[in-house]
């Protein structure tokens, strides 16, 4: 538990500390994992245009084949898959990724199942990118691909 902290920060920050202190150790770890996920998402969204341009110029066209560790958290899997598939537009699959993360954290879905679905999502998006008529475009995700993925995840758990 945190030592007594001075009453500073916003009302929301003080409320968050109280909530954190009331959680079990397992729930604290879950909250921490979700916060890491949100931070990763926000860091990707906050890239400057110059950084995006530089990254777009050196993006590999093939997956990097990064191996899946035996014991991996969902957040680490998202990071690994993002590195493994740098050509996939993360903004276009953010909604299904968030859905998988929520199913793990809120609904208690096992990490290995969620990671399997995340790997399938990234692979499908990579394949869609390579099968598109103009493979030199940004490679956005079709709404059909997102809907297929969401129906797959809702029927499995």
N, C-alpha and C. Protein backbone atom coordinates (compact mmCIF):
# COMPACT_ATOMS: atom_id res chain seq x y z
N UNK A 1 0.84 -1.18 0.00
CA UNK A 1 0.00 0.00 0.00
C UNK A 1 0.88 1.24 0.00
N UNK A 2 0.40 2.31 -0.63
CA UNK A 2 1.16 3.55 -0.68
C UNK A 2 1.21 4.20 0.70
N UNK A 3 2.32 4.85 1.06
CA UNK A 3 2.31 5.65 2.29
C UNK A 3 1.38 6.83 2.09
N UNK A 4 1.01 7.46 3.17
CA UNK A 4 0.11 8.60 3.05
C UNK A 4 0.72 9.64 2.12
N UNK A 5 -0.04 10.05 1.15
CA UNK A 5 0.45 11.01 0.18
C UNK A 5 -0.20 12.36 0.45
N UNK A 6 0.51 13.43 0.17
CA UNK A 6 -0.08 14.75 0.37
C UNK A 6 -1.28 14.93 -0.56
N UNK A 7 -2.21 15.74 -0.12
CA UNK A 7 -3.42 15.99 -0.91
C UNK A 7 -3.08 16.96 -2.03
N UNK A 8 -2.49 16.43 -3.09
CA UNK A 8 -2.19 17.26 -4.25
C UNK A 8 -2.65 16.53 -5.49
N UNK A 9 -2.63 17.20 -6.59
CA UNK A 9 -3.13 16.62 -7.82
C UNK A 9 -4.62 16.89 -7.97
N UNK A 10 -5.12 16.54 -9.12
CA UNK A 10 -6.53 16.79 -9.40
C UNK A 10 -7.42 15.83 -8.61
N UNK A 11 -8.70 16.14 -8.63
CA UNK A 11 -9.67 15.28 -7.94
C UNK A 11 -9.63 13.87 -8.53
N UNK A 12 -9.48 13.78 -9.88
CA UNK A 12 -9.43 12.48 -10.54
C UNK A 12 -8.19 11.70 -10.12
N UNK A 13 -7.05 12.38 -9.99
CA UNK A 13 -5.83 11.71 -9.57
C UNK A 13 -5.96 11.16 -8.15
N UNK A 14 -6.52 11.95 -7.26
CA UNK A 14 -6.71 11.48 -5.88
C UNK A 14 -7.69 10.31 -5.84
N UNK A 15 -8.74 10.38 -6.66
CA UNK A 15 -9.71 9.29 -6.71
C UNK A 15 -9.06 8.02 -7.27
N UNK A 16 -8.21 8.18 -8.29
CA UNK A 16 -7.53 7.04 -8.87
C UNK A 16 -6.62 6.37 -7.84
N UNK A 17 -5.92 7.15 -7.04
CA UNK A 17 -5.06 6.59 -6.00
C UNK A 17 -5.89 5.81 -4.98
N UNK A 18 -7.03 6.38 -4.57
CA UNK A 18 -7.90 5.67 -3.62
C UNK A 18 -8.40 4.35 -4.21
N UNK A 19 -8.79 4.38 -5.47
CA UNK A 19 -9.26 3.16 -6.13
C UNK A 19 -8.14 2.13 -6.20
N UNK A 20 -6.95 2.58 -6.57
CA UNK A 20 -5.81 1.68 -6.67
C UNK A 20 -5.52 1.04 -5.32
N UNK A 21 -5.56 1.81 -4.27
CA UNK A 21 -5.26 1.30 -2.94
C UNK A 21 -6.29 0.27 -2.48
N UNK A 22 -7.50 0.35 -3.00
CA UNK A 22 -8.54 -0.59 -2.58
C UNK A 22 -8.51 -1.91 -3.35
N UNK A 23 -7.67 -2.01 -4.39
CA UNK A 23 -7.63 -3.21 -5.22
C UNK A 23 -6.73 -4.29 -4.63
N UNK A 24 -7.03 -5.53 -5.04
CA UNK A 24 -6.14 -6.64 -4.69
C UNK A 24 -4.88 -6.52 -5.55
N UNK A 25 -3.85 -7.26 -5.21
CA UNK A 25 -2.59 -7.22 -5.97
C UNK A 25 -2.82 -7.66 -7.42
N UNK A 26 -3.65 -8.68 -7.61
CA UNK A 26 -3.95 -9.16 -8.97
C UNK A 26 -4.65 -8.08 -9.77
N UNK A 27 -5.63 -7.41 -9.16
CA UNK A 27 -6.35 -6.35 -9.86
C UNK A 27 -5.45 -5.16 -10.14
N UNK A 28 -4.52 -4.89 -9.25
CA UNK A 28 -3.56 -3.80 -9.49
C UNK A 28 -2.71 -4.11 -10.72
N UNK A 29 -2.29 -5.37 -10.84
CA UNK A 29 -1.47 -5.76 -11.99
C UNK A 29 -2.28 -5.64 -13.28
N UNK A 30 -3.56 -6.01 -13.23
CA UNK A 30 -4.43 -5.88 -14.39
C UNK A 30 -4.58 -4.41 -14.78
N UNK A 31 -4.81 -3.56 -13.79
CA UNK A 31 -4.92 -2.13 -14.05
C UNK A 31 -3.64 -1.59 -14.65
N UNK A 32 -2.51 -2.02 -14.13
CA UNK A 32 -1.22 -1.58 -14.64
C UNK A 32 -1.04 -2.02 -16.10
N UNK A 33 -1.41 -3.26 -16.41
CA UNK A 33 -1.30 -3.77 -17.79
C UNK A 33 -2.18 -2.96 -18.73
N UNK A 34 -3.38 -2.63 -18.29
CA UNK A 34 -4.27 -1.86 -19.14
C UNK A 34 -3.72 -0.45 -19.35
N UNK A 35 -3.15 0.15 -18.30
CA UNK A 35 -2.55 1.48 -18.43
C UNK A 35 -1.38 1.45 -19.42
N UNK A 36 -0.58 0.37 -19.38
CA UNK A 36 0.51 0.22 -20.35
C UNK A 36 -0.04 0.14 -21.77
N UNK A 37 -1.12 -0.60 -21.94
CA UNK A 37 -1.74 -0.71 -23.25
C UNK A 37 -2.19 0.66 -23.75
N UNK A 38 -2.86 1.42 -22.89
CA UNK A 38 -3.32 2.75 -23.28
C UNK A 38 -2.14 3.67 -23.61
N UNK A 39 -1.08 3.57 -22.85
CA UNK A 39 0.10 4.39 -23.11
C UNK A 39 0.70 4.04 -24.47
N UNK A 40 0.79 2.77 -24.78
CA UNK A 40 1.33 2.33 -26.07
C UNK A 40 0.47 2.88 -27.20
N UNK A 41 -0.85 2.78 -27.04
CA UNK A 41 -1.78 3.29 -28.04
C UNK A 41 -1.59 4.80 -28.23
N UNK A 42 -1.49 5.53 -27.13
CA UNK A 42 -1.33 6.98 -27.21
C UNK A 42 0.01 7.37 -27.80
N UNK A 43 1.06 6.63 -27.48
CA UNK A 43 2.37 6.93 -28.06
C UNK A 43 2.35 6.77 -29.57
N UNK A 44 1.64 5.77 -30.06
CA UNK A 44 1.54 5.57 -31.51
C UNK A 44 0.77 6.71 -32.16
N UNK A 45 -0.27 7.19 -31.49
CA UNK A 45 -1.08 8.26 -32.05
C UNK A 45 -0.36 9.60 -32.04
N UNK A 46 0.61 9.76 -31.14
CA UNK A 46 1.27 11.05 -30.98
C UNK A 46 2.54 11.20 -31.82
N UNK A 47 2.82 10.26 -32.71
CA UNK A 47 3.98 10.41 -33.56
C UNK A 47 3.82 11.66 -34.43
N UNK A 48 4.87 12.40 -34.55
CA UNK A 48 4.79 13.59 -35.41
C UNK A 48 4.77 13.15 -36.87
N UNK A 49 4.36 14.04 -37.75
CA UNK A 49 4.30 13.74 -39.18
C UNK A 49 5.69 13.39 -39.71
N UNK A 50 6.74 14.07 -39.23
CA UNK A 50 8.09 13.77 -39.68
C UNK A 50 8.48 12.35 -39.31
N UNK A 51 8.16 11.94 -38.08
CA UNK A 51 8.49 10.58 -37.65
C UNK A 51 7.73 9.56 -38.48
N UNK A 52 6.45 9.84 -38.76
CA UNK A 52 5.66 8.92 -39.56
C UNK A 52 6.24 8.80 -40.96
N UNK A 53 6.66 9.91 -41.55
CA UNK A 53 7.24 9.89 -42.89
C UNK A 53 8.52 9.07 -42.91
N UNK A 54 9.38 9.27 -41.90
CA UNK A 54 10.63 8.51 -41.83
C UNK A 54 10.31 7.03 -41.68
N UNK A 55 9.37 6.69 -40.80
CA UNK A 55 9.02 5.29 -40.59
C UNK A 55 8.43 4.67 -41.86
N UNK A 56 7.60 5.42 -42.58
CA UNK A 56 6.99 4.89 -43.79
C UNK A 56 8.03 4.58 -44.85
N UNK A 57 9.11 5.34 -44.87
CA UNK A 57 10.15 5.12 -45.87
C UNK A 57 10.93 3.85 -45.62
N UNK A 58 11.00 3.38 -44.38
CA UNK A 58 11.82 2.21 -44.08
C UNK A 58 11.01 1.01 -43.59
N UNK A 59 9.72 1.00 -43.83
CA UNK A 59 8.87 -0.10 -43.38
C UNK A 59 9.14 -1.34 -44.23
N UNK A 60 9.45 -2.45 -43.59
CA UNK A 60 9.63 -3.70 -44.34
C UNK A 60 8.31 -4.14 -44.96
N UNK A 61 8.40 -4.90 -46.02
CA UNK A 61 7.18 -5.37 -46.69
C UNK A 61 6.80 -6.78 -46.25
N UNK A 62 7.67 -7.44 -45.51
CA UNK A 62 7.40 -8.79 -45.01
C UNK A 62 7.42 -8.77 -43.49
N UNK A 63 6.63 -9.64 -42.84
CA UNK A 63 6.69 -9.74 -41.38
C UNK A 63 8.11 -10.13 -40.94
N UNK A 64 8.46 -9.71 -39.74
CA UNK A 64 9.81 -9.94 -39.23
C UNK A 64 9.96 -11.32 -38.58
N UNK A 65 8.88 -12.06 -38.45
CA UNK A 65 8.90 -13.40 -37.85
C UNK A 65 9.49 -13.42 -36.45
N UNK A 66 9.06 -12.48 -35.62
CA UNK A 66 9.49 -12.46 -34.23
C UNK A 66 8.81 -13.62 -33.51
N UNK A 67 9.55 -14.44 -32.80
CA UNK A 67 8.96 -15.61 -32.15
C UNK A 67 8.06 -15.22 -30.97
N UNK A 68 7.04 -16.03 -30.76
CA UNK A 68 6.13 -15.82 -29.63
C UNK A 68 6.73 -16.48 -28.39
N UNK A 69 6.98 -15.69 -27.35
CA UNK A 69 7.51 -16.28 -26.12
C UNK A 69 6.49 -17.25 -25.50
N UNK A 70 7.00 -18.18 -24.71
CA UNK A 70 6.12 -19.16 -24.08
C UNK A 70 5.10 -18.51 -23.16
N UNK A 71 5.56 -17.61 -22.30
CA UNK A 71 4.67 -16.89 -21.39
C UNK A 71 4.72 -15.42 -21.78
N UNK A 72 3.61 -14.92 -22.32
CA UNK A 72 3.58 -13.55 -22.83
C UNK A 72 2.28 -12.89 -22.40
N UNK A 73 2.37 -11.64 -21.96
CA UNK A 73 1.16 -10.91 -21.62
C UNK A 73 0.52 -10.38 -22.90
N UNK A 74 -0.73 -9.99 -22.81
CA UNK A 74 -1.44 -9.46 -23.97
C UNK A 74 -0.78 -8.16 -24.43
N UNK A 75 -0.39 -7.31 -23.49
CA UNK A 75 0.25 -6.04 -23.85
C UNK A 75 1.56 -6.30 -24.60
N UNK A 76 2.36 -7.23 -24.09
CA UNK A 76 3.62 -7.54 -24.76
C UNK A 76 3.38 -8.17 -26.13
N UNK A 77 2.32 -8.94 -26.25
CA UNK A 77 1.98 -9.54 -27.55
C UNK A 77 1.62 -8.45 -28.55
N UNK A 78 0.86 -7.45 -28.11
CA UNK A 78 0.51 -6.34 -29.00
C UNK A 78 1.78 -5.62 -29.45
N UNK A 79 2.69 -5.39 -28.52
CA UNK A 79 3.97 -4.75 -28.90
C UNK A 79 4.75 -5.61 -29.89
N UNK A 80 4.82 -6.91 -29.62
CA UNK A 80 5.55 -7.81 -30.52
C UNK A 80 4.92 -7.82 -31.90
N UNK A 81 3.60 -7.94 -31.96
CA UNK A 81 2.91 -7.99 -33.25
C UNK A 81 3.03 -6.67 -34.01
N UNK A 82 3.03 -5.56 -33.28
CA UNK A 82 3.21 -4.25 -33.91
C UNK A 82 4.60 -4.17 -34.55
N UNK A 83 5.60 -4.70 -33.86
CA UNK A 83 6.96 -4.72 -34.43
C UNK A 83 7.06 -5.73 -35.57
N UNK A 84 6.38 -6.86 -35.42
CA UNK A 84 6.45 -7.92 -36.41
C UNK A 84 5.76 -7.54 -37.72
N UNK A 85 4.70 -6.74 -37.63
CA UNK A 85 3.94 -6.32 -38.81
C UNK A 85 3.95 -4.80 -38.93
N UNK A 86 5.11 -4.19 -39.16
CA UNK A 86 5.17 -2.73 -39.21
C UNK A 86 4.41 -2.13 -40.39
N UNK A 87 4.13 -2.95 -41.40
CA UNK A 87 3.44 -2.46 -42.59
C UNK A 87 1.92 -2.37 -42.38
N UNK A 88 1.40 -2.98 -41.32
CA UNK A 88 -0.03 -2.95 -41.04
C UNK A 88 -0.39 -1.64 -40.35
N UNK A 89 -1.45 -1.00 -40.84
CA UNK A 89 -1.91 0.28 -40.28
C UNK A 89 -2.59 0.01 -38.94
N UNK A 90 -1.91 0.39 -37.85
CA UNK A 90 -2.41 0.11 -36.50
C UNK A 90 -3.69 0.89 -36.19
N UNK A 91 -3.81 2.08 -36.75
CA UNK A 91 -5.02 2.88 -36.50
C UNK A 91 -6.27 2.15 -36.97
N UNK A 92 -6.15 1.44 -38.07
CA UNK A 92 -7.32 0.78 -38.64
C UNK A 92 -7.74 -0.46 -37.87
N UNK A 93 -6.85 -1.02 -37.05
CA UNK A 93 -7.20 -2.20 -36.27
C UNK A 93 -7.26 -1.91 -34.77
N UNK A 94 -7.21 -0.64 -34.43
CA UNK A 94 -7.23 -0.25 -33.02
C UNK A 94 -8.51 -0.72 -32.33
N UNK A 95 -9.65 -0.59 -33.00
CA UNK A 95 -10.92 -0.99 -32.39
C UNK A 95 -10.95 -2.49 -32.04
N UNK A 96 -10.61 -3.39 -32.99
CA UNK A 96 -10.60 -4.81 -32.60
C UNK A 96 -9.54 -5.13 -31.55
N UNK A 97 -8.38 -4.47 -31.60
CA UNK A 97 -7.36 -4.71 -30.58
C UNK A 97 -7.90 -4.31 -29.21
N UNK A 98 -8.56 -3.17 -29.14
CA UNK A 98 -9.15 -2.72 -27.87
C UNK A 98 -10.20 -3.72 -27.38
N UNK A 99 -10.98 -4.25 -28.32
CA UNK A 99 -11.99 -5.25 -27.95
C UNK A 99 -11.37 -6.50 -27.36
N UNK A 100 -10.27 -6.95 -27.97
CA UNK A 100 -9.58 -8.14 -27.43
C UNK A 100 -9.01 -7.84 -26.05
N UNK A 101 -8.42 -6.66 -25.89
CA UNK A 101 -7.84 -6.28 -24.60
C UNK A 101 -8.93 -6.23 -23.54
N UNK A 102 -10.07 -5.67 -23.89
CA UNK A 102 -11.20 -5.59 -22.95
C UNK A 102 -11.70 -6.98 -22.59
N UNK A 103 -11.79 -7.87 -23.58
CA UNK A 103 -12.27 -9.22 -23.28
C UNK A 103 -11.34 -9.93 -22.31
N UNK A 104 -10.06 -9.60 -22.38
CA UNK A 104 -9.09 -10.22 -21.47
C UNK A 104 -9.19 -9.61 -20.07
N UNK A 105 -9.19 -8.29 -20.01
CA UNK A 105 -9.14 -7.61 -18.71
C UNK A 105 -10.49 -7.63 -18.00
N UNK A 106 -11.54 -7.28 -18.69
CA UNK A 106 -12.86 -7.16 -18.06
C UNK A 106 -13.57 -8.50 -17.96
N UNK A 107 -13.52 -9.29 -19.03
CA UNK A 107 -14.26 -10.54 -19.05
C UNK A 107 -13.43 -11.74 -18.61
N UNK A 108 -12.13 -11.53 -18.37
CA UNK A 108 -11.29 -12.61 -17.87
C UNK A 108 -10.92 -13.66 -18.88
N UNK A 109 -10.98 -13.32 -20.15
CA UNK A 109 -10.61 -14.28 -21.19
C UNK A 109 -9.11 -14.60 -21.09
N UNK A 110 -8.72 -15.86 -21.20
CA UNK A 110 -7.31 -16.23 -21.05
C UNK A 110 -6.41 -15.52 -22.06
N UNK A 111 -5.23 -15.11 -21.59
CA UNK A 111 -4.28 -14.37 -22.42
C UNK A 111 -3.91 -15.13 -23.68
N UNK A 112 -3.67 -16.45 -23.56
CA UNK A 112 -3.25 -17.21 -24.74
C UNK A 112 -4.31 -17.20 -25.85
N UNK A 113 -5.59 -17.23 -25.48
CA UNK A 113 -6.66 -17.16 -26.48
C UNK A 113 -6.69 -15.78 -27.14
N UNK A 114 -6.55 -14.75 -26.34
CA UNK A 114 -6.56 -13.38 -26.87
C UNK A 114 -5.37 -13.18 -27.80
N UNK A 115 -4.21 -13.68 -27.40
CA UNK A 115 -3.01 -13.53 -28.23
C UNK A 115 -3.18 -14.29 -29.54
N UNK A 116 -3.79 -15.48 -29.51
CA UNK A 116 -4.08 -16.23 -30.74
C UNK A 116 -4.93 -15.37 -31.68
N UNK A 117 -5.95 -14.73 -31.14
CA UNK A 117 -6.83 -13.88 -31.95
C UNK A 117 -6.10 -12.65 -32.47
N UNK A 118 -5.24 -12.07 -31.64
CA UNK A 118 -4.45 -10.92 -32.09
C UNK A 118 -3.52 -11.31 -33.23
N UNK A 119 -2.88 -12.47 -33.10
CA UNK A 119 -1.99 -12.93 -34.17
C UNK A 119 -2.77 -13.15 -35.46
N UNK A 120 -3.97 -13.71 -35.34
CA UNK A 120 -4.81 -13.93 -36.53
C UNK A 120 -5.23 -12.60 -37.15
N UNK A 121 -5.54 -11.62 -36.32
CA UNK A 121 -5.93 -10.30 -36.81
C UNK A 121 -4.78 -9.65 -37.59
N UNK A 122 -3.60 -9.64 -37.01
CA UNK A 122 -2.46 -9.02 -37.69
C UNK A 122 -2.14 -9.75 -38.99
N UNK A 123 -2.18 -11.09 -38.96
CA UNK A 123 -1.90 -11.86 -40.17
C UNK A 123 -2.93 -11.56 -41.25
N UNK A 124 -4.19 -11.50 -40.86
CA UNK A 124 -5.26 -11.23 -41.82
C UNK A 124 -5.09 -9.84 -42.44
N UNK A 125 -4.72 -8.86 -41.62
CA UNK A 125 -4.52 -7.52 -42.14
C UNK A 125 -3.32 -7.47 -43.08
N UNK A 126 -2.27 -8.20 -42.74
CA UNK A 126 -1.10 -8.28 -43.61
C UNK A 126 -1.50 -8.91 -44.95
N UNK A 127 -2.26 -10.00 -44.90
CA UNK A 127 -2.70 -10.66 -46.13
C UNK A 127 -3.62 -9.76 -46.94
N UNK A 128 -4.51 -9.03 -46.27
CA UNK A 128 -5.38 -8.09 -46.98
C UNK A 128 -4.57 -7.01 -47.67
N UNK A 129 -3.52 -6.56 -47.00
CA UNK A 129 -2.65 -5.53 -47.56
C UNK A 129 -1.97 -6.04 -48.83
N UNK A 130 -1.51 -7.28 -48.80
CA UNK A 130 -0.82 -7.85 -49.96
C UNK A 130 -1.77 -8.26 -51.07
N UNK A 131 -3.03 -8.51 -50.76
CA UNK A 131 -4.00 -8.92 -51.77
C UNK A 131 -4.80 -7.76 -52.34
N UNK A 132 -4.57 -6.56 -51.80
CA UNK A 132 -5.33 -5.40 -52.28
C UNK A 132 -4.88 -5.05 -53.69
N UNK A 133 -5.78 -4.48 -54.52
CA UNK A 133 -5.44 -4.14 -55.90
C UNK A 133 -4.26 -3.16 -55.98
N UNK A 134 -4.18 -2.23 -55.03
CA UNK A 134 -3.07 -1.27 -55.05
C UNK A 134 -2.30 -1.42 -53.75
N UNK A 135 -1.35 -2.32 -53.74
CA UNK A 135 -0.59 -2.63 -52.53
C UNK A 135 0.28 -1.48 -52.07
N UNK A 136 0.39 -0.43 -52.83
CA UNK A 136 1.22 0.70 -52.44
C UNK A 136 0.44 1.73 -51.63
N UNK A 137 -0.82 1.46 -51.33
CA UNK A 137 -1.60 2.40 -50.53
C UNK A 137 -1.33 2.16 -49.06
N UNK A 138 -2.04 2.89 -48.21
CA UNK A 138 -1.78 2.80 -46.77
C UNK A 138 -2.16 1.45 -46.20
N UNK A 139 -2.94 0.66 -46.93
CA UNK A 139 -3.26 -0.69 -46.45
C UNK A 139 -4.28 -0.70 -45.35
N UNK A 140 -5.30 0.14 -45.44
CA UNK A 140 -6.32 0.20 -44.41
C UNK A 140 -7.10 -1.09 -44.31
N UNK A 141 -7.75 -1.28 -43.20
CA UNK A 141 -8.52 -2.48 -42.93
C UNK A 141 -9.93 -2.27 -43.44
N UNK A 142 -10.47 -3.26 -44.11
CA UNK A 142 -11.84 -3.16 -44.56
C UNK A 142 -12.78 -3.38 -43.39
N UNK A 143 -13.96 -2.82 -43.51
CA UNK A 143 -14.93 -3.02 -42.43
C UNK A 143 -15.33 -4.49 -42.35
N UNK A 144 -15.29 -5.22 -43.48
CA UNK A 144 -15.60 -6.65 -43.45
C UNK A 144 -14.60 -7.40 -42.59
N UNK A 145 -13.32 -7.04 -42.71
CA UNK A 145 -12.30 -7.73 -41.92
C UNK A 145 -12.51 -7.49 -40.44
N UNK A 146 -12.86 -6.27 -40.07
CA UNK A 146 -13.09 -5.97 -38.66
C UNK A 146 -14.33 -6.71 -38.18
N UNK A 147 -15.40 -6.70 -38.98
CA UNK A 147 -16.62 -7.39 -38.58
C UNK A 147 -16.40 -8.88 -38.47
N UNK A 148 -15.64 -9.47 -39.42
CA UNK A 148 -15.32 -10.90 -39.33
C UNK A 148 -14.59 -11.20 -38.04
N UNK A 149 -13.62 -10.36 -37.71
CA UNK A 149 -12.81 -10.58 -36.52
C UNK A 149 -13.65 -10.47 -35.26
N UNK A 150 -14.53 -9.47 -35.23
CA UNK A 150 -15.36 -9.29 -34.03
C UNK A 150 -16.32 -10.45 -33.86
N UNK A 151 -16.88 -10.96 -34.95
CA UNK A 151 -17.80 -12.08 -34.83
C UNK A 151 -17.05 -13.33 -34.42
N UNK A 152 -15.79 -13.48 -34.88
CA UNK A 152 -14.98 -14.62 -34.46
C UNK A 152 -14.73 -14.58 -32.96
N UNK A 153 -14.39 -13.39 -32.45
CA UNK A 153 -14.04 -13.29 -31.03
C UNK A 153 -15.27 -13.43 -30.15
N UNK A 154 -16.43 -12.96 -30.62
CA UNK A 154 -17.63 -13.06 -29.78
C UNK A 154 -18.16 -14.49 -29.74
N UNK A 155 -17.92 -15.26 -30.80
CA UNK A 155 -18.43 -16.63 -30.80
C UNK A 155 -17.55 -17.58 -30.03
N UNK A 156 -16.28 -17.16 -29.73
CA UNK A 156 -15.37 -18.08 -29.03
C UNK A 156 -15.36 -17.89 -27.54
N UNK A 157 -16.10 -16.95 -27.03
CA UNK A 157 -16.01 -16.81 -25.59
C UNK A 157 -17.22 -16.25 -25.07
